[in-house]
């Protein structure tokens, strides 16, 4: 199993990619920020495998702190592959938030859970 710690998660050269079999994909850096113009959570191929259209670039995630204020989450504290799917974990004040990203095969659909 591939598992990256907090220090490795800050490396902007580490990337992940999930595809849908049509030429569409979701991709990004493990650290979070999109550093390339083709990074996206949903890049759909309207005429497979070409004519790609950016439908969702990124999500901005925050977690409520103990003071009730929203704290933006940036670099995950851990990243690993759950099977073939990228999974991310953020830890804040003893609380944990996990995110997994996958694409439905044969559809221009990204699922983020």
Foldseek 3Di string as FASTA:
>chain_A
DDKDAQVRLCDQVAKAWADQQFLWIAMAGSQADRPDPPHALFFDAPRGNDDTDHDGRHDWDWDQDPVRDTDTDTGFRMWDAPPRWIKGWHDDPNDIDMWIWHDHHPDRDIDID
